[in-house]
PDB file of N, CA and C in Angstrom:
ATOM      1  N   LEU A   1     -11.293  -8.712 -36.702  1.00  0.00           N
ATOM      2  CA  LEU A   1     -11.483  -9.762 -35.719  1.00  0.00           C
ATOM      3  C   LEU A   1     -12.143  -9.224 -34.464  1.00  0.00           C
ATOM      4  N   ALA A   2     -11.720  -8.062 -33.996  1.00  0.00           N
ATOM      5  CA  ALA A   2     -12.282  -7.515 -32.764  1.00  0.00           C
ATOM      6  C   ALA A   2     -13.780  -7.260 -32.902  1.00  0.00           C
ATOM      7  N   SER A   3     -14.220  -6.793 -34.096  1.00  0.00           N
ATOM      8  CA  SER A   3     -15.635  -6.519 -34.263  1.00  0.00           C
ATOM      9  C   SER A   3     -16.451  -7.804 -34.270  1.00  0.00           C
ATOM     10  N   ARG A   4     -15.875  -8.907 -34.723  1.00  0.00           N
ATOM     11  CA  ARG A   4     -16.576 -10.194 -34.719  1.00  0.00           C
ATOM     12  C   ARG A   4     -16.704 -10.755 -33.314  1.00  0.00           C
ATOM     13  N   THR A   5     -15.748 -10.456 -32.468  1.00  0.00           N
ATOM     14  CA  THR A   5     -15.795 -10.999 -31.110  1.00  0.00           C
ATOM     15  C   THR A   5     -16.545 -10.080 -30.158  1.00  0.00           C
ATOM     16  N   GLY A   6     -16.921  -8.889 -30.639  1.00  0.00           N
ATOM     17  CA  GLY A   6     -17.665  -7.971 -29.800  1.00  0.00           C
ATOM     18  C   GLY A   6     -16.807  -7.205 -28.816  1.00  0.00           C
ATOM     19  N   SER A   7     -15.525  -7.225 -29.015  1.00  0.00           N
ATOM     20  CA  SER A   7     -14.643  -6.538 -28.066  1.00  0.00           C
ATOM     21  C   SER A   7     -13.872  -5.398 -28.716  1.00  0.00           C
ATOM     22  N   SER A   8     -14.438  -4.799 -29.754  1.00  0.00           N
ATOM     23  CA  SER A   8     -13.703  -3.758 -30.465  1.00  0.00           C
ATOM     24  C   SER A   8     -13.405  -2.557 -29.589  1.00  0.00           C
ATOM     25  N   SER A   9     -14.360  -2.127 -28.766  1.00  0.00           N
ATOM     26  CA  SER A   9     -14.089  -0.962 -27.934  1.00  0.00           C
ATOM     27  C   SER A   9     -13.015  -1.276 -26.898  1.00  0.00           C
ATOM     28  N   ARG A  10     -13.032  -2.472 -26.324  1.00  0.00           N
ATOM     29  CA  ARG A  10     -12.007  -2.854 -25.348  1.00  0.00           C
ATOM     30  C   ARG A  10     -10.644  -2.959 -26.036  1.00  0.00           C
ATOM     31  N   SER A  11     -10.597  -3.564 -27.204  1.00  0.00           N
ATOM     32  CA  SER A  11      -9.333  -3.688 -27.937  1.00  0.00           C
ATOM     33  C   SER A  11      -8.774  -2.322 -28.292  1.00  0.00           C
ATOM     34  N   ASN A  12      -9.638  -1.411 -28.723  1.00  0.00           N
ATOM     35  CA  ASN A  12      -9.177  -0.065 -29.054  1.00  0.00           C
ATOM     36  C   ASN A  12      -8.638   0.635 -27.822  1.00  0.00           C
ATOM     37  N   LEU A  13      -9.283   0.441 -26.677  1.00  0.00           N
ATOM     38  CA  LEU A  13      -8.814   1.055 -25.442  1.00  0.00           C
ATOM     39  C   LEU A  13      -7.438   0.519 -25.070  1.00  0.00           C
ATOM     40  N   VAL A  14      -7.263  -0.779 -25.172  1.00  0.00           N
ATOM     41  CA  VAL A  14      -5.969  -1.382 -24.858  1.00  0.00           C
ATOM     42  C   VAL A  14      -4.905  -0.859 -25.809  1.00  0.00           C
ATOM     43  N   MET A  15      -5.194  -0.777 -27.082  1.00  0.00           N
ATOM     44  CA  MET A  15      -4.221  -0.296 -28.062  1.00  0.00           C
ATOM     45  C   MET A  15      -3.867   1.168 -27.801  1.00  0.00           C
ATOM     46  N   GLN A  16      -4.854   1.986 -27.401  1.00  0.00           N
ATOM     47  CA  GLN A  16      -4.572   3.386 -27.123  1.00  0.00           C
ATOM     48  C   GLN A  16      -3.644   3.528 -25.920  1.00  0.00           C
ATOM     49  N   ASP A  17      -3.777   2.621 -24.958  1.00  0.00           N
ATOM     50  CA  ASP A  17      -2.941   2.684 -23.763  1.00  0.00           C
ATOM     51  C   ASP A  17      -1.487   2.313 -24.042  1.00  0.00           C
ATOM     52  N   LEU A  18      -1.228   1.608 -25.121  1.00  0.00           N
ATOM     53  CA  LEU A  18       0.123   1.135 -25.407  1.00  0.00           C
ATOM     54  C   LEU A  18       0.886   2.126 -26.293  1.00  0.00           C
ATOM     55  N   THR A  19       1.019   3.335 -25.790  1.00  0.00           N
ATOM     56  CA  THR A  19       1.833   4.333 -26.470  1.00  0.00           C
ATOM     57  C   THR A  19       3.298   3.989 -26.224  1.00  0.00           C
ATOM     58  N   PRO A  20       4.189   4.511 -27.036  1.00  0.00           N
ATOM     59  CA  PRO A  20       5.613   4.258 -26.779  1.00  0.00           C
ATOM     60  C   PRO A  20       6.025   4.667 -25.359  1.00  0.00           C
ATOM     61  N   ARG A  21       5.494   5.763 -24.851  1.00  0.00           N
ATOM     62  CA  ARG A  21       5.823   6.195 -23.493  1.00  0.00           C
ATOM     63  C   ARG A  21       5.332   5.173 -22.475  1.00  0.00           C
ATOM     64  N   LYS A  22       4.114   4.690 -22.628  1.00  0.00           N
ATOM     65  CA  LYS A  22       3.552   3.706 -21.699  1.00  0.00           C
ATOM     66  C   LYS A  22       4.372   2.413 -21.735  1.00  0.00           C
ATOM     67  N   ILE A  23       4.797   2.007 -22.895  1.00  0.00           N
ATOM     68  CA  ILE A  23       5.625   0.798 -23.023  1.00  0.00           C
ATOM     69  C   ILE A  23       6.949   0.990 -22.282  1.00  0.00           C
ATOM     70  N   MET A  24       7.548   2.177 -22.433  1.00  0.00           N
ATOM     71  CA  MET A  24       8.804   2.454 -21.722  1.00  0.00           C
ATOM     72  C   MET A  24       8.580   2.445 -20.209  1.00  0.00           C
ATOM     73  N   LEU A  25       7.491   3.079 -19.763  1.00  0.00           N
ATOM     74  CA  LEU A  25       7.204   3.118 -18.328  1.00  0.00           C
ATOM     75  C   LEU A  25       6.964   1.720 -17.766  1.00  0.00           C
ATOM     76  N   ASN A  26       6.255   0.884 -18.521  1.00  0.00           N
ATOM     77  CA  ASN A  26       6.029  -0.499 -18.079  1.00  0.00           C
ATOM     78  C   ASN A  26       7.354  -1.243 -17.924  1.00  0.00           C
ATOM     79  N   ALA A  27       8.244  -1.065 -18.887  1.00  0.00           N
ATOM     80  CA  ALA A  27       9.543  -1.751 -18.838  1.00  0.00           C
ATOM     81  C   ALA A  27      10.381  -1.251 -17.660  1.00  0.00           C
ATOM     82  N   ILE A  28      10.376   0.047 -17.431  1.00  0.00           N
ATOM     83  CA  ILE A  28      11.152   0.613 -16.327  1.00  0.00           C
ATOM     84  C   ILE A  28      10.573   0.142 -14.995  1.00  0.00           C
ATOM     85  N   PHE A  29       9.246   0.167 -14.870  1.00  0.00           N
ATOM     86  CA  PHE A  29       8.624  -0.301 -13.627  1.00  0.00           C
ATOM     87  C   PHE A  29       9.023  -1.749 -13.348  1.00  0.00           C
ATOM     88  N   ALA A  30       8.949  -2.593 -14.362  1.00  0.00           N
ATOM     89  CA  ALA A  30       9.287  -4.014 -14.177  1.00  0.00           C
ATOM     90  C   ALA A  30      10.739  -4.180 -13.736  1.00  0.00           C
ATOM     91  N   SER A  31      11.640  -3.383 -14.286  1.00  0.00           N
ATOM     92  CA  SER A  31      13.050  -3.514 -13.907  1.00  0.00           C
ATOM     93  C   SER A  31      13.308  -2.981 -12.489  1.00  0.00           C
ATOM     94  N   LEU A  32      12.514  -2.004 -12.048  1.00  0.00           N
ATOM     95  CA  LEU A  32      12.684  -1.451 -10.700  1.00  0.00           C
ATOM     96  C   LEU A  32      12.091  -2.345  -9.619  1.00  0.00           C
ATOM     97  N   ASP A  33      11.050  -3.076  -9.960  1.00  0.00           N
ATOM     98  CA  ASP A  33      10.316  -3.890  -8.980  1.00  0.00           C
ATOM     99  C   ASP A  33      11.085  -5.178  -8.693  1.00  0.00           C
ATOM    100  N   GLU A  34      12.173  -5.040  -7.947  1.00  0.00           N
ATOM    101  CA  GLU A  34      13.086  -6.164  -7.702  1.00  0.00           C
ATOM    102  C   GLU A  34      12.428  -7.339  -6.998  1.00  0.00           C
ATOM    103  N   ASP A  35      11.548  -7.059  -6.043  1.00  0.00           N
ATOM    104  CA  ASP A  35      10.904  -8.156  -5.315  1.00  0.00           C
ATOM    105  C   ASP A  35       9.635  -8.659  -6.010  1.00  0.00           C
ATOM    106  N   GLN A  36       9.316  -8.056  -7.139  1.00  0.00           N
ATOM    107  CA  GLN A  36       8.185  -8.470  -7.986  1.00  0.00           C
ATOM    108  C   GLN A  36       6.875  -8.563  -7.206  1.00  0.00           C
ATOM    109  N   ASP A  37       6.641  -7.574  -6.331  1.00  0.00           N
ATOM    110  CA  ASP A  37       5.385  -7.555  -5.582  1.00  0.00           C
ATOM    111  C   ASP A  37       4.351  -6.618  -6.199  1.00  0.00           C
ATOM    112  N   GLY A  38       4.690  -6.004  -7.350  1.00  0.00           N
ATOM    113  CA  GLY A  38       3.754  -5.124  -8.039  1.00  0.00           C
ATOM    114  C   GLY A  38       3.731  -3.705  -7.494  1.00  0.00           C
ATOM    115  N   CYS A  39       4.639  -3.397  -6.583  1.00  0.00           N
ATOM    116  CA  CYS A  39       4.727  -2.051  -6.005  1.00  0.00           C
ATOM    117  C   CYS A  39       6.187  -1.666  -5.827  1.00  0.00           C
ATOM    118  N   LEU A  40       6.449  -0.368  -5.924  1.00  0.00           N
ATOM    119  CA  LEU A  40       7.808   0.122  -5.732  1.00  0.00           C
ATOM    120  C   LEU A  40       7.955   0.698  -4.335  1.00  0.00           C
ATOM    121  N   SER A  41       8.809   0.085  -3.547  1.00  0.00           N
ATOM    122  CA  SER A  41       9.130   0.565  -2.208  1.00  0.00           C
ATOM    123  C   SER A  41       9.998   1.812  -2.326  1.00  0.00           C
ATOM    124  N   SER A  42      10.289   2.402  -1.191  1.00  0.00           N
ATOM    125  CA  SER A  42      11.157   3.570  -1.162  1.00  0.00           C
ATOM    126  C   SER A  42      12.497   3.281  -1.839  1.00  0.00           C
ATOM    127  N   SER A  43      13.118   2.161  -1.486  1.00  0.00           N
ATOM    128  CA  SER A  43      14.438   1.854  -2.052  1.00  0.00           C
ATOM    129  C   SER A  43      14.365   1.566  -3.552  1.00  0.00           C
ATOM    130  N   GLU A  44      13.279   0.944  -4.005  1.00  0.00           N
ATOM    131  CA  GLU A  44      13.142   0.651  -5.439  1.00  0.00           C
ATOM    132  C   GLU A  44      12.888   1.934  -6.226  1.00  0.00           C
ATOM    133  N   LEU A  45      12.028   2.809  -5.721  1.00  0.00           N
ATOM    134  CA  LEU A  45      11.738   4.067  -6.422  1.00  0.00           C
ATOM    135  C   LEU A  45      12.934   5.009  -6.376  1.00  0.00           C
ATOM    136  N   ARG A  46      13.728   4.896  -5.328  1.00  0.00           N
ATOM    137  CA  ARG A  46      14.918   5.745  -5.198  1.00  0.00           C
ATOM    138  C   ARG A  46      15.879   5.522  -6.369  1.00  0.00           C
ATOM    139  N   VAL A  47      16.002   4.294  -6.828  1.00  0.00           N
ATOM    140  CA  VAL A  47      16.871   4.004  -7.976  1.00  0.00           C
ATOM    141  C   VAL A  47      16.447   4.852  -9.169  1.00  0.00           C
ATOM    142  N   PHE A  48      15.144   4.877  -9.455  1.00  0.00           N
ATOM    143  CA  PHE A  48      14.631   5.686 -10.565  1.00  0.00           C
ATOM    144  C   PHE A  48      14.921   7.166 -10.327  1.00  0.00           C
ATOM    145  N   ALA A  49      14.633   7.644  -9.121  1.00  0.00           N
ATOM    146  CA  ALA A  49      14.814   9.069  -8.812  1.00  0.00           C
ATOM    147  C   ALA A  49      16.265   9.490  -8.963  1.00  0.00           C
ATOM    148  N   GLU A  50      17.189   8.639  -8.548  1.00  0.00           N
ATOM    149  CA  GLU A  50      18.612   8.987  -8.647  1.00  0.00           C
ATOM    150  C   GLU A  50      19.102   8.962 -10.091  1.00  0.00           C
ATOM    151  N   VAL A  51      18.639   7.995 -10.871  1.00  0.00           N
ATOM    152  CA  VAL A  51      19.024   7.965 -12.287  1.00  0.00           C
ATOM    153  C   VAL A  51      18.451   9.192 -12.992  1.00  0.00           C
ATOM    154  N   ARG A  52      17.210   9.523 -12.673  1.00  0.00           N
ATOM    155  CA  ARG A  52      16.548  10.681 -13.276  1.00  0.00           C
ATOM    156  C   ARG A  52      17.296  11.966 -12.928  1.00  0.00           C
ATOM    157  N   ALA A  53      17.752  12.076 -11.694  1.00  0.00           N
ATOM    158  CA  ALA A  53      18.444  13.289 -11.243  1.00  0.00           C
ATOM    159  C   ALA A  53      19.935  13.269 -11.539  1.00  0.00           C
ATOM    160  N   ASP A  54      20.453  12.134 -11.967  1.00  0.00           N
ATOM    161  CA  ASP A  54      21.888  11.971 -12.209  1.00  0.00           C
ATOM    162  C   ASP A  54      22.719  12.266 -10.964  1.00  0.00           C
ATOM    163  N   SER A  55      22.151  11.948  -9.787  1.00  0.00           N
ATOM    164  CA  SER A  55      22.911  12.168  -8.548  1.00  0.00           C
ATOM    165  C   SER A  55      22.319  11.346  -7.407  1.00  0.00           C
ATOM    166  N   ASP A  56      23.116  11.222  -6.357  1.00  0.00           N
ATOM    167  CA  ASP A  56      22.663  10.567  -5.136  1.00  0.00           C
ATOM    168  C   ASP A  56      21.748  11.539  -4.397  1.00  0.00           C
ATOM    169  N   LEU A  57      20.588  11.074  -3.994  1.00  0.00           N
ATOM    170  CA  LEU A  57      19.629  11.959  -3.328  1.00  0.00           C
ATOM    171  C   LEU A  57      19.890  12.131  -1.842  1.00  0.00           C
ATOM    172  N   GLY A  58      20.821  11.365  -1.318  1.00  0.00           N
ATOM    173  CA  GLY A  58      21.219  11.521   0.079  1.00  0.00           C
ATOM    174  C   GLY A  58      20.108  11.197   1.062  1.00  0.00           C
ATOM    175  N   VAL A  59      20.228  11.778   2.242  1.00  0.00           N
ATOM    176  CA  VAL A  59      19.296  11.482   3.332  1.00  0.00           C
ATOM    177  C   VAL A  59      17.923  12.089   3.111  1.00  0.00           C
ATOM    178  N   ASP A  60      17.796  13.030   2.218  1.00  0.00           N
ATOM    179  CA  ASP A  60      16.506  13.669   1.957  1.00  0.00           C
ATOM    180  C   ASP A  60      15.512  12.762   1.243  1.00  0.00           C
ATOM    181  N   TRP A  61      15.962  11.644   0.702  1.00  0.00           N
ATOM    182  CA  TRP A  61      15.070  10.798  -0.088  1.00  0.00           C
ATOM    183  C   TRP A  61      13.856  10.315   0.702  1.00  0.00           C
ATOM    184  N   GLU A  62      14.038   9.851   1.920  1.00  0.00           N
ATOM    185  CA  GLU A  62      12.912   9.330   2.700  1.00  0.00           C
ATOM    186  C   GLU A  62      11.832  10.399   2.892  1.00  0.00           C
ATOM    187  N   LYS A  63      12.249  11.627   3.098  1.00  0.00           N
ATOM    188  CA  LYS A  63      11.287  12.730   3.229  1.00  0.00           C
ATOM    189  C   LYS A  63      10.573  12.961   1.898  1.00  0.00           C
ATOM    190  N   GLN A  64      11.329  12.960   0.805  1.00  0.00           N
ATOM    191  CA  GLN A  64      10.727  13.144  -0.521  1.00  0.00           C
ATOM    192  C   GLN A  64       9.746  12.014  -0.831  1.00  0.00           C
ATOM    193  N   TYR A  65      10.132  10.791  -0.486  1.00  0.00           N
ATOM    194  CA  TYR A  65       9.266   9.634  -0.721  1.00  0.00           C
ATOM    195  C   TYR A  65       7.969   9.770   0.081  1.00  0.00           C
ATOM    196  N   SER A  66       8.074  10.178   1.335  1.00  0.00           N
ATOM    197  CA  SER A  66       6.887  10.369   2.177  1.00  0.00           C
ATOM    198  C   SER A  66       5.957  11.423   1.582  1.00  0.00           C
ATOM    199  N   ILE A  67       6.530  12.512   1.110  1.00  0.00           N
ATOM    200  CA  ILE A  67       5.732  13.580   0.497  1.00  0.00           C
ATOM    201  C   ILE A  67       5.016  13.063  -0.749  1.00  0.00           C
ATOM    202  N   LEU A  68       5.729  12.303  -1.588  1.00  0.00           N
ATOM    203  CA  LEU A  68       5.100  11.724  -2.781  1.00  0.00           C
ATOM    204  C   LEU A  68       3.957  10.787  -2.397  1.00  0.00           C
ATOM    205  N   CYS A  69       4.191   9.948  -1.398  1.00  0.00           N
ATOM    206  CA  CYS A  69       3.151   9.009  -0.963  1.00  0.00           C
ATOM    207  C   CYS A  69       1.907   9.754  -0.484  1.00  0.00           C
ATOM    208  N   ILE A  70       2.105  10.789   0.303  1.00  0.00           N
ATOM    209  CA  ILE A  70       0.973  11.571   0.799  1.00  0.00           C
ATOM    210  C   ILE A  70       0.246  12.249  -0.357  1.00  0.00           C
ATOM    211  N   ALA A  71       1.000  12.852  -1.254  1.00  0.00           N
ATOM    212  CA  ALA A  71       0.401  13.571  -2.382  1.00  0.00           C
ATOM    213  C   ALA A  71      -0.429  12.662  -3.291  1.00  0.00           C
ATOM    214  N   TYR A  72      -0.010  11.411  -3.440  1.00  0.00           N
ATOM    215  CA  TYR A  72      -0.699  10.489  -4.340  1.00  0.00           C
ATOM    216  C   TYR A  72      -1.562   9.469  -3.600  1.00  0.00           C
ATOM    217  N   GLY A  73      -1.696   9.633  -2.281  1.00  0.00           N
ATOM    218  CA  GLY A  73      -2.538   8.729  -1.505  1.00  0.00           C
ATOM    219  C   GLY A  73      -2.033   7.291  -1.474  1.00  0.00           C
ATOM    220  N   VAL A  74      -0.716   7.156  -1.462  1.00  0.00           N
ATOM    221  CA  VAL A  74      -0.085   5.835  -1.487  1.00  0.00           C
ATOM    222  C   VAL A  74       0.372   5.460  -0.075  1.00  0.00           C
ATOM    223  N   PRO A  75      -0.040   4.298   0.428  1.00  0.00           N
ATOM    224  CA  PRO A  75       0.447   3.880   1.749  1.00  0.00           C
ATOM    225  C   PRO A  75       1.972   3.708   1.737  1.00  0.00           C
ATOM    226  N   LEU A  76       2.642   4.332   2.687  1.00  0.00           N
ATOM    227  CA  LEU A  76       4.113   4.262   2.772  1.00  0.00           C
ATOM    228  C   LEU A  76       4.620   2.829   2.765  1.00  0.00           C
ATOM    229  N   GLU A  77       3.958   1.957   3.512  1.00  0.00           N
ATOM    230  CA  GLU A  77       4.432   0.584   3.650  1.00  0.00           C
ATOM    231  C   GLU A  77       4.209  -0.248   2.382  1.00  0.00           C
ATOM    232  N   ARG A  78       3.284   0.164   1.537  1.00  0.00           N
ATOM    233  CA  ARG A  78       3.021  -0.589   0.310  1.00  0.00           C
ATOM    234  C   ARG A  78       3.865  -0.102  -0.860  1.00  0.00           C
ATOM    235  N   GLY A  79       3.878   1.194  -1.071  1.00  0.00           N
ATOM    236  CA  GLY A  79       4.610   1.761  -2.198  1.00  0.00           C
ATOM    237  C   GLY A  79       3.732   1.976  -3.414  1.00  0.00           C
ATOM    238  N   PHE A  80       4.348   2.439  -4.478  1.00  0.00           N
ATOM    239  CA  PHE A  80       3.650   2.827  -5.704  1.00  0.00           C
ATOM    240  C   PHE A  80       3.424   1.638  -6.622  1.00  0.00           C
ATOM    241  N   ASN A  81       2.151   1.410  -6.996  1.00  0.00           N
ATOM    242  CA  ASN A  81       1.889   0.377  -7.997  1.00  0.00           C
ATOM    243  C   ASN A  81       2.208   0.957  -9.373  1.00  0.00           C
ATOM    244  N   GLU A  82       2.067   0.159 -10.398  1.00  0.00           N
ATOM    245  CA  GLU A  82       2.475   0.602 -11.744  1.00  0.00           C
ATOM    246  C   GLU A  82       1.685   1.811 -12.215  1.00  0.00           C
ATOM    247  N   GLU A  83       0.397   1.831 -11.964  1.00  0.00           N
ATOM    248  CA  GLU A  83      -0.427   2.967 -12.380  1.00  0.00           C
ATOM    249  C   GLU A  83       0.001   4.244 -11.659  1.00  0.00           C
ATOM    250  N   GLN A  84       0.275   4.137 -10.373  1.00  0.00           N
ATOM    251  CA  GLN A  84       0.717   5.294  -9.594  1.00  0.00           C
ATOM    252  C   GLN A  84       2.117   5.745 -10.007  1.00  0.00           C
ATOM    253  N   PHE A  85       2.983   4.795 -10.323  1.00  0.00           N
ATOM    254  CA  PHE A  85       4.319   5.136 -10.823  1.00  0.00           C
ATOM    255  C   PHE A  85       4.196   5.943 -12.114  1.00  0.00           C
ATOM    256  N   CYS A  86       3.360   5.461 -13.028  1.00  0.00           N
ATOM    257  CA  CYS A  86       3.156   6.184 -14.291  1.00  0.00           C
ATOM    258  C   CYS A  86       2.621   7.587 -14.020  1.00  0.00           C
ATOM    259  N   ALA A  87       1.728   7.716 -13.057  1.00  0.00           N
ATOM    260  CA  ALA A  87       1.153   9.028 -12.736  1.00  0.00           C
ATOM    261  C   ALA A  87       2.222  10.008 -12.250  1.00  0.00           C
ATOM    262  N   ILE A  88       3.128   9.558 -11.367  1.00  0.00           N
ATOM    263  CA  ILE A  88       4.134  10.507 -10.859  1.00  0.00           C
ATOM    264  C   ILE A  88       5.173  10.854 -11.913  1.00  0.00           C
ATOM    265  N   VAL A  89       5.434   9.929 -12.820  1.00  0.00           N
ATOM    266  CA  VAL A  89       6.410  10.212 -13.877  1.00  0.00           C
ATOM    267  C   VAL A  89       5.791  11.085 -14.967  1.00  0.00           C
ATOM    268  N   ASN A  90       4.482  10.981 -15.165  1.00  0.00           N
ATOM    269  CA  ASN A  90       3.794  11.782 -16.181  1.00  0.00           C
ATOM    270  C   ASN A  90       3.361  13.150 -15.672  1.00  0.00           C
ATOM    271  N   ASP A  91       3.322  13.347 -14.373  1.00  0.00           N
ATOM    272  CA  ASP A  91       2.860  14.592 -13.768  1.00  0.00           C
ATOM    273  C   ASP A  91       3.954  15.655 -13.883  1.00  0.00           C
ATOM    274  N   THR A  92       3.704  16.655 -14.700  1.00  0.00           N
ATOM    275  CA  THR A  92       4.725  17.689 -14.928  1.00  0.00           C
ATOM    276  C   THR A  92       4.949  18.559 -13.702  1.00  0.00           C
ATOM    277  N   GLU A  93       4.067  18.489 -12.719  1.00  0.00           N
ATOM    278  CA  GLU A  93       4.236  19.255 -11.480  1.00  0.00           C
ATOM    279  C   GLU A  93       4.958  18.449 -10.402  1.00  0.00           C
ATOM    280  N   ALA A  94       5.070  17.143 -10.589  1.00  0.00           N
ATOM    281  CA  ALA A  94       5.677  16.272  -9.570  1.00  0.00           C
ATOM    282  C   ALA A  94       7.193  16.275  -9.687  1.00  0.00           C
ATOM    283  N   GLY A  95       7.838  15.893  -8.608  1.00  0.00           N
ATOM    284  CA  GLY A  95       9.288  15.870  -8.579  1.00  0.00           C
ATOM    285  C   GLY A  95       9.918  14.790  -9.426  1.00  0.00           C
ATOM    286  N   LEU A  96       9.129  13.815  -9.903  1.00  0.00           N
ATOM    287  CA  LEU A  96       9.720  12.718 -10.674  1.00  0.00           C
ATOM    288  C   LEU A  96       9.316  12.724 -12.146  1.00  0.00           C
ATOM    289  N   HIS A  97       8.837  13.861 -12.639  1.00  0.00           N
ATOM    290  CA  HIS A  97       8.496  13.926 -14.062  1.00  0.00           C
ATOM    291  C   HIS A  97       9.729  13.600 -14.897  1.00  0.00           C
ATOM    292  N   CYS A  98       9.523  12.913 -15.986  1.00  0.00           N
ATOM    293  CA  CYS A  98      10.642  12.482 -16.816  1.00  0.00           C
ATOM    294  C   CYS A  98      10.254  12.575 -18.288  1.00  0.00           C
ATOM    295  N   SER A  99      11.131  13.123 -19.092  1.00  0.00           N
ATOM    296  CA  SER A  99      10.868  13.245 -20.533  1.00  0.00           C
ATOM    297  C   SER A  99      11.006  11.887 -21.217  1.00  0.00           C
ATOM    298  N   ASP A 100      10.447  11.776 -22.402  1.00  0.00           N
ATOM    299  CA  ASP A 100      10.583  10.547 -23.188  1.00  0.00           C
ATOM    300  C   ASP A 100      12.052  10.249 -23.475  1.00  0.00           C
ATOM    301  N   ASP A 101      12.823  11.289 -23.769  1.00  0.00           N
ATOM    302  CA  ASP A 101      14.246  11.078 -24.068  1.00  0.00           C
ATOM    303  C   ASP A 101      14.980  10.484 -22.875  1.00  0.00           C
ATOM    304  N   LYS A 102      14.683  10.999 -21.678  1.00  0.00           N
ATOM    305  CA  LYS A 102      15.337  10.474 -20.470  1.00  0.00           C
ATOM    306  C   LYS A 102      14.897   9.027 -20.214  1.00  0.00           C
ATOM    307  N   LEU A 103      13.606   8.732 -20.437  1.00  0.00           N
ATOM    308  CA  LEU A 103      13.125   7.354 -20.279  1.00  0.00           C
ATOM    309  C   LEU A 103      13.863   6.423 -21.243  1.00  0.00           C
ATOM    310  N   ARG A 104      14.027   6.871 -22.505  1.00  0.00           N
ATOM    311  CA  ARG A 104      14.756   6.063 -23.494  1.00  0.00           C
ATOM    312  C   ARG A 104      16.191   5.812 -23.039  1.00  0.00           C
ATOM    313  N   ASP A 105      16.827   6.867 -22.523  1.00  0.00           N
ATOM    314  CA  ASP A 105      18.202   6.734 -22.029  1.00  0.00           C
ATOM    315  C   ASP A 105      18.279   5.694 -20.915  1.00  0.00           C
ATOM    316  N   MET A 106      17.307   5.724 -20.004  1.00  0.00           N
ATOM    317  CA  MET A 106      17.290   4.757 -18.898  1.00  0.00           C
ATOM    318  C   MET A 106      17.173   3.330 -19.410  1.00  0.00           C
ATOM    319  N   ILE A 107      16.324   3.137 -20.399  1.00  0.00           N
ATOM    320  CA  ILE A 107      16.137   1.798 -20.961  1.00  0.00           C
ATOM    321  C   ILE A 107      17.400   1.340 -21.671  1.00  0.00           C
ATOM    322  N   GLU A 108      18.035   2.245 -22.408  1.00  0.00           N
ATOM    323  CA  GLU A 108      19.274   1.886 -23.105  1.00  0.00           C
ATOM    324  C   GLU A 108      20.371   1.494 -22.126  1.00  0.00           C
ATOM    325  N   VAL A 109      20.480   2.217 -21.021  1.00  0.00           N
ATOM    326  CA  VAL A 109      21.485   1.890 -20.006  1.00  0.00           C
ATOM    327  C   VAL A 109      21.171   0.522 -19.396  1.00  0.00           C
ATOM    328  N   GLU A 110      19.898   0.270 -19.110  1.00  0.00           N
ATOM    329  CA  GLU A 110      19.487  -1.020 -18.544  1.00  0.00           C
ATOM    330  C   GLU A 110      19.827  -2.151 -19.516  1.00  0.00           C
ATOM    331  N   GLU A 111      19.556  -1.938 -20.802  1.00  0.00           N
ATOM    332  CA  GLU A 111      19.867  -2.971 -21.794  1.00  0.00           C
ATOM    333  C   GLU A 111      21.370  -3.204 -21.894  1.00  0.00           C
ATOM    334  N   GLU A 112      22.161  -2.126 -21.814  1.00  0.00           N
ATOM    335  CA  GLU A 112      23.625  -2.271 -21.854  1.00  0.00           C
ATOM    336  C   GLU A 112      24.104  -3.042 -20.638  1.00  0.00           C
ATOM    337  N   ASP A 113      23.554  -2.718 -19.467  1.00  0.00           N
ATOM    338  CA  ASP A 113      23.937  -3.414 -18.240  1.00  0.00           C
ATOM    339  C   ASP A 113      23.584  -4.893 -18.314  1.00  0.00           C
ATOM    340  N   THR A 114      22.435  -5.188 -18.884  1.00  0.00           N
ATOM    341  CA  THR A 114      21.998  -6.587 -19.020  1.00  0.00           C
ATOM    342  C   THR A 114      22.892  -7.344 -19.994  1.00  0.00           C
ATOM    343  N   SER A 115      23.249  -6.687 -21.103  1.00  0.00           N
ATOM    344  CA  SER A 115      24.110  -7.380 -22.070  1.00  0.00           C
ATOM    345  C   SER A 115      25.525  -7.577 -21.520  1.00  0.00           C
ATOM    346  N   ASP A 116      25.979  -6.646 -20.669  1.00  0.00           N
ATOM    347  CA  ASP A 116      27.288  -6.813 -20.027  1.00  0.00           C
ATOM    348  C   ASP A 116      27.285  -8.004 -19.081  1.00  0.00           C
ATOM    349  N   ASP A 117      26.155  -8.254 -18.411  1.00  0.00           N
ATOM    350  CA  ASP A 117      26.035  -9.384 -17.493  1.00  0.00           C
ATOM    351  C   ASP A 117      26.103 -10.717 -18.220  1.00  0.00           C
ATOM    352  N   ASP A 118      25.719 -10.716 -19.498  1.00  0.00           N
ATOM    353  CA  ASP A 118      25.721 -11.944 -20.297  1.00  0.00           C
ATOM    354  C   ASP A 118      27.116 -12.370 -20.708  1.00  0.00           C
ATOM    355  N   ASP A 119      28.062 -11.431 -20.685  1.00  0.00           N
ATOM    356  CA  ASP A 119      29.429 -11.735 -21.146  1.00  0.00           C
ATOM    357  C   ASP A 119      30.184 -12.606 -20.171  1.00  0.00           C
TER     358      ASP A 119
END
């Protein structure tokens, strides 16, 4: 079908982007973006960072967030869009790198929390 519509290269590009990791990152980003503005503020990204670290980040978080924003060219007042969020989580040198297993764990916990809310 894609070859008949002339969009085979675009369709292939879209399909390549939908790796299991990318799907997990999209789901996590959507769950973190509480105000649904398409960007993660300091407080929204902090939730991810604390779950990833399995601890409260304390008062140092604002400094860490500022450093991340500067490193990735993200305006502090806007926050990280989905593409930038994926970049910091995929960057093995960044403070928020996360393995596929940890991402899966986060999604499973979110699903458990959601199903508990339904009861």
